[in-house]
């Protein structure tokens, strides 16, 4: 059966192994790195824009609610403090969610790994 074929297979030379490694790096690792870098940059930029929009909306609604001038609202430490805390909550939530989403592909490999290596 397969045992005979495996025993007759010639071992891979060092040069052949090096070529396989270089092919793996060129066609798998580098495209993955580039894709992940681009996606993370786009996600980060979208998060900053979203946080800016939420913060600006909160500040604007505080100004319109109080009827104060823009300079008075800018000097209001309460609105500024609330805006900073809101941004911190948004940023922390985004970072947690992003970390969990990038873990999903690894979790998808878990069943196959467990089936391949039973205890």
C-alpha atoms as a PDB file:
ATOM      1  CA  UNK A   1       0.000   0.000   0.000  1.00  0.00           C
ATOM      2  CA  UNK A   2       1.171   3.460   0.904  1.00  0.00           C
ATOM      3  CA  UNK A   3       3.980   2.230   3.171  1.00  0.00           C
ATOM      4  CA  UNK A   4       5.968   0.943   0.195  1.00  0.00           C
ATOM      5  CA  UNK A   5       5.497   4.164  -1.734  1.00  0.00           C
ATOM      6  CA  UNK A   6       6.589   6.230   1.278  1.00  0.00           C
ATOM      7  CA  UNK A   7       9.668   4.035   1.781  1.00  0.00           C
ATOM      8  CA  UNK A   8      10.665   4.355  -1.901  1.00  0.00           C
ATOM      9  CA  UNK A   9      10.265   8.151  -1.956  1.00  0.00           C
ATOM     10  CA  UNK A  10      13.592   9.898  -2.213  1.00  0.00           C
ATOM     11  CA  UNK A  11      14.397  12.368   0.528  1.00  0.00           C
ATOM     12  CA  UNK A  12      14.216  16.034  -0.347  1.00  0.00           C
ATOM     13  CA  UNK A  13      17.612  17.614  -0.906  1.00  0.00           C
ATOM     14  CA  UNK A  14      18.651  20.774   0.914  1.00  0.00           C
ATOM     15  CA  UNK A  15      18.422  22.753  -2.317  1.00  0.00           C
ATOM     16  CA  UNK A  16      14.949  21.373  -3.053  1.00  0.00           C
ATOM     17  CA  UNK A  17      13.810  22.217   0.470  1.00  0.00           C
ATOM     18  CA  UNK A  18      15.210  25.751   0.150  1.00  0.00           C
ATOM     19  CA  UNK A  19      13.326  26.225  -3.106  1.00  0.00           C
ATOM     20  CA  UNK A  20      10.088  25.031  -1.519  1.00  0.00           C
ATOM     21  CA  UNK A  21      10.598  27.411   1.395  1.00  0.00           C
ATOM     22  CA  UNK A  22      11.267  30.338  -0.939  1.00  0.00           C
ATOM     23  CA  UNK A  23       8.159  29.495  -2.969  1.00  0.00           C
ATOM     24  CA  UNK A  24       6.083  29.337   0.213  1.00  0.00           C
ATOM     25  CA  UNK A  25       7.420  32.710   1.352  1.00  0.00           C
ATOM     26  CA  UNK A  26       6.897  34.318  -2.063  1.00  0.00           C
ATOM     27  CA  UNK A  27       3.414  32.950  -2.766  1.00  0.00           C
ATOM     28  CA  UNK A  28       1.917  32.600   0.714  1.00  0.00           C
ATOM     29  CA  UNK A  29       3.658  34.570   3.449  1.00  0.00           C
ATOM     30  CA  UNK A  30       4.317  37.833   1.595  1.00  0.00           C
ATOM     31  CA  UNK A  31       0.790  38.133   0.091  1.00  0.00           C
ATOM     32  CA  UNK A  32      -0.709  37.364   3.522  1.00  0.00           C
ATOM     33  CA  UNK A  33       1.482  40.011   5.163  1.00  0.00           C
ATOM     34  CA  UNK A  34       0.583  42.616   2.531  1.00  0.00           C
ATOM     35  CA  UNK A  35      -3.133  41.819   2.717  1.00  0.00           C
ATOM     36  CA  UNK A  36      -3.162  41.985   6.504  1.00  0.00           C
ATOM     37  CA  UNK A  37      -1.210  45.262   6.524  1.00  0.00           C
ATOM     38  CA  UNK A  38      -3.543  46.892   4.016  1.00  0.00           C
ATOM     39  CA  UNK A  39      -6.702  45.674   5.768  1.00  0.00           C
ATOM     40  CA  UNK A  40      -5.420  46.794   9.186  1.00  0.00           C
ATOM     41  CA  UNK A  41      -4.567  50.246   7.776  1.00  0.00           C
ATOM     42  CA  UNK A  42      -8.026  50.610   6.247  1.00  0.00           C
ATOM     43  CA  UNK A  43      -9.721  49.409   9.451  1.00  0.00           C
ATOM     44  CA  UNK A  44      -7.643  51.758  11.590  1.00  0.00           C
ATOM     45  CA  UNK A  45      -8.447  54.742   9.372  1.00  0.00           C
ATOM     46  CA  UNK A  46     -12.162  53.881   9.401  1.00  0.00           C
ATOM     47  CA  UNK A  47     -12.095  53.629  13.202  1.00  0.00           C
ATOM     48  CA  UNK A  48     -10.463  57.037  13.572  1.00  0.00           C
ATOM     49  CA  UNK A  49     -13.060  58.587  11.260  1.00  0.00           C
ATOM     50  CA  UNK A  50     -15.911  56.901  13.136  1.00  0.00           C
ATOM     51  CA  UNK A  51     -14.570  58.028  16.537  1.00  0.00           C
ATOM     52  CA  UNK A  52     -14.116  61.581  15.207  1.00  0.00           C
ATOM     53  CA  UNK A  53     -17.701  61.631  13.901  1.00  0.00           C
ATOM     54  CA  UNK A  54     -19.112  60.337  17.197  1.00  0.00           C
ATOM     55  CA  UNK A  55     -17.065  62.822  19.219  1.00  0.00           C
ATOM     56  CA  UNK A  56     -18.016  65.750  16.976  1.00  0.00           C
ATOM     57  CA  UNK A  57     -21.671  64.748  17.134  1.00  0.00           C
ATOM     58  CA  UNK A  58     -21.546  64.580  20.922  1.00  0.00           C
ATOM     59  CA  UNK A  59     -19.868  67.977  21.184  1.00  0.00           C
ATOM     60  CA  UNK A  60     -22.303  69.553  18.734  1.00  0.00           C
ATOM     61  CA  UNK A  61     -25.340  68.181  20.530  1.00  0.00           C
ATOM     62  CA  UNK A  62     -23.935  69.480  23.854  1.00  0.00           C
ATOM     63  CA  UNK A  63     -23.527  72.949  22.352  1.00  0.00           C
ATOM     64  CA  UNK A  64     -26.973  72.988  20.777  1.00  0.00           C
ATOM     65  CA  UNK A  65     -28.600  71.656  23.945  1.00  0.00           C
ATOM     66  CA  UNK A  66     -27.056  74.290  26.189  1.00  0.00           C
ATOM     67  CA  UNK A  67     -27.377  77.114  23.693  1.00  0.00           C
ATOM     68  CA  UNK A  68     -23.828  78.176  24.510  1.00  0.00           C
ATOM     69  CA  UNK A  69     -21.400  79.620  22.026  1.00  0.00           C
ATOM     70  CA  UNK A  70     -18.713  77.478  20.453  1.00  0.00           C
ATOM     71  CA  UNK A  71     -15.993  79.152  22.503  1.00  0.00           C
ATOM     72  CA  UNK A  72     -17.874  78.410  25.733  1.00  0.00           C
ATOM     73  CA  UNK A  73     -18.336  74.808  24.679  1.00  0.00           C
ATOM     74  CA  UNK A  74     -14.636  74.497  23.853  1.00  0.00           C
ATOM     75  CA  UNK A  75     -13.781  75.772  27.323  1.00  0.00           C
ATOM     76  CA  UNK A  76     -16.237  73.391  29.000  1.00  0.00           C
ATOM     77  CA  UNK A  77     -14.132  70.705  30.684  1.00  0.00           C
ATOM     78  CA  UNK A  78     -17.131  68.452  31.237  1.00  0.00           C
ATOM     79  CA  UNK A  79     -17.854  68.060  27.520  1.00  0.00           C
ATOM     80  CA  UNK A  80     -14.140  67.622  26.783  1.00  0.00           C
ATOM     81  CA  UNK A  81     -13.781  64.988  29.499  1.00  0.00           C
ATOM     82  CA  UNK A  82     -16.861  63.124  28.272  1.00  0.00           C
ATOM     83  CA  UNK A  83     -15.563  63.220  24.699  1.00  0.00           C
ATOM     84  CA  UNK A  84     -12.191  61.809  25.767  1.00  0.00           C
ATOM     85  CA  UNK A  85     -13.827  58.998  27.720  1.00  0.00           C
ATOM     86  CA  UNK A  86     -16.168  58.195  24.851  1.00  0.00           C
ATOM     87  CA  UNK A  87     -13.225  58.007  22.446  1.00  0.00           C
ATOM     88  CA  UNK A  88     -11.390  55.731  24.874  1.00  0.00           C
ATOM     89  CA  UNK A  89     -14.398  53.401  25.119  1.00  0.00           C
ATOM     90  CA  UNK A  90     -14.746  53.304  21.324  1.00  0.00           C
ATOM     91  CA  UNK A  91     -11.033  52.644  20.801  1.00  0.00           C
ATOM     92  CA  UNK A  92     -10.874  49.902  23.423  1.00  0.00           C
ATOM     93  CA  UNK A  93     -13.990  48.212  22.017  1.00  0.00           C
ATOM     94  CA  UNK A  94     -12.564  48.371  18.503  1.00  0.00           C
ATOM     95  CA  UNK A  95      -9.235  46.868  19.594  1.00  0.00           C
ATOM     96  CA  UNK A  96     -10.941  44.007  21.428  1.00  0.00           C
ATOM     97  CA  UNK A  97     -13.239  43.255  18.503  1.00  0.00           C
ATOM     98  CA  UNK A  98     -10.408  43.409  15.988  1.00  0.00           C
ATOM     99  CA  UNK A  99      -8.247  41.045  18.050  1.00  0.00           C
ATOM    100  CA  UNK A 100     -11.117  38.559  18.331  1.00  0.00           C
ATOM    101  CA  UNK A 101     -11.921  38.730  14.597  1.00  0.00           C
ATOM    102  CA  UNK A 102      -8.304  38.016  13.624  1.00  0.00           C
ATOM    103  CA  UNK A 103      -8.414  34.995  15.956  1.00  0.00           C
ATOM    104  CA  UNK A 104     -11.365  33.411  14.097  1.00  0.00           C
ATOM    105  CA  UNK A 105      -9.290  31.933  11.234  1.00  0.00           C
ATOM    106  CA  UNK A 106      -6.994  30.226  13.755  1.00  0.00           C
ATOM    107  CA  UNK A 107     -10.006  28.836  15.608  1.00  0.00           C
ATOM    108  CA  UNK A 108     -11.318  27.426  12.328  1.00  0.00           C
ATOM    109  CA  UNK A 109      -8.138  25.316  12.087  1.00  0.00           C
ATOM    110  CA  UNK A 110      -8.644  23.819  15.548  1.00  0.00           C
ATOM    111  CA  UNK A 111     -11.055  20.954  14.634  1.00  0.00           C
ATOM    112  CA  UNK A 112      -8.748  19.700  11.899  1.00  0.00           C
ATOM    113  CA  UNK A 113      -5.740  19.859  14.186  1.00  0.00           C
ATOM    114  CA  UNK A 114      -7.572  17.962  16.910  1.00  0.00           C
ATOM    115  CA  UNK A 115      -8.719  15.278  14.457  1.00  0.00           C
ATOM    116  CA  UNK A 116      -5.198  14.948  13.091  1.00  0.00           C
ATOM    117  CA  UNK A 117      -3.647  14.543  16.534  1.00  0.00           C
ATOM    118  CA  UNK A 118      -6.013  12.580  18.762  1.00  0.00           C
ATOM    119  CA  UNK A 119      -5.088  12.228  22.410  1.00  0.00           C
END
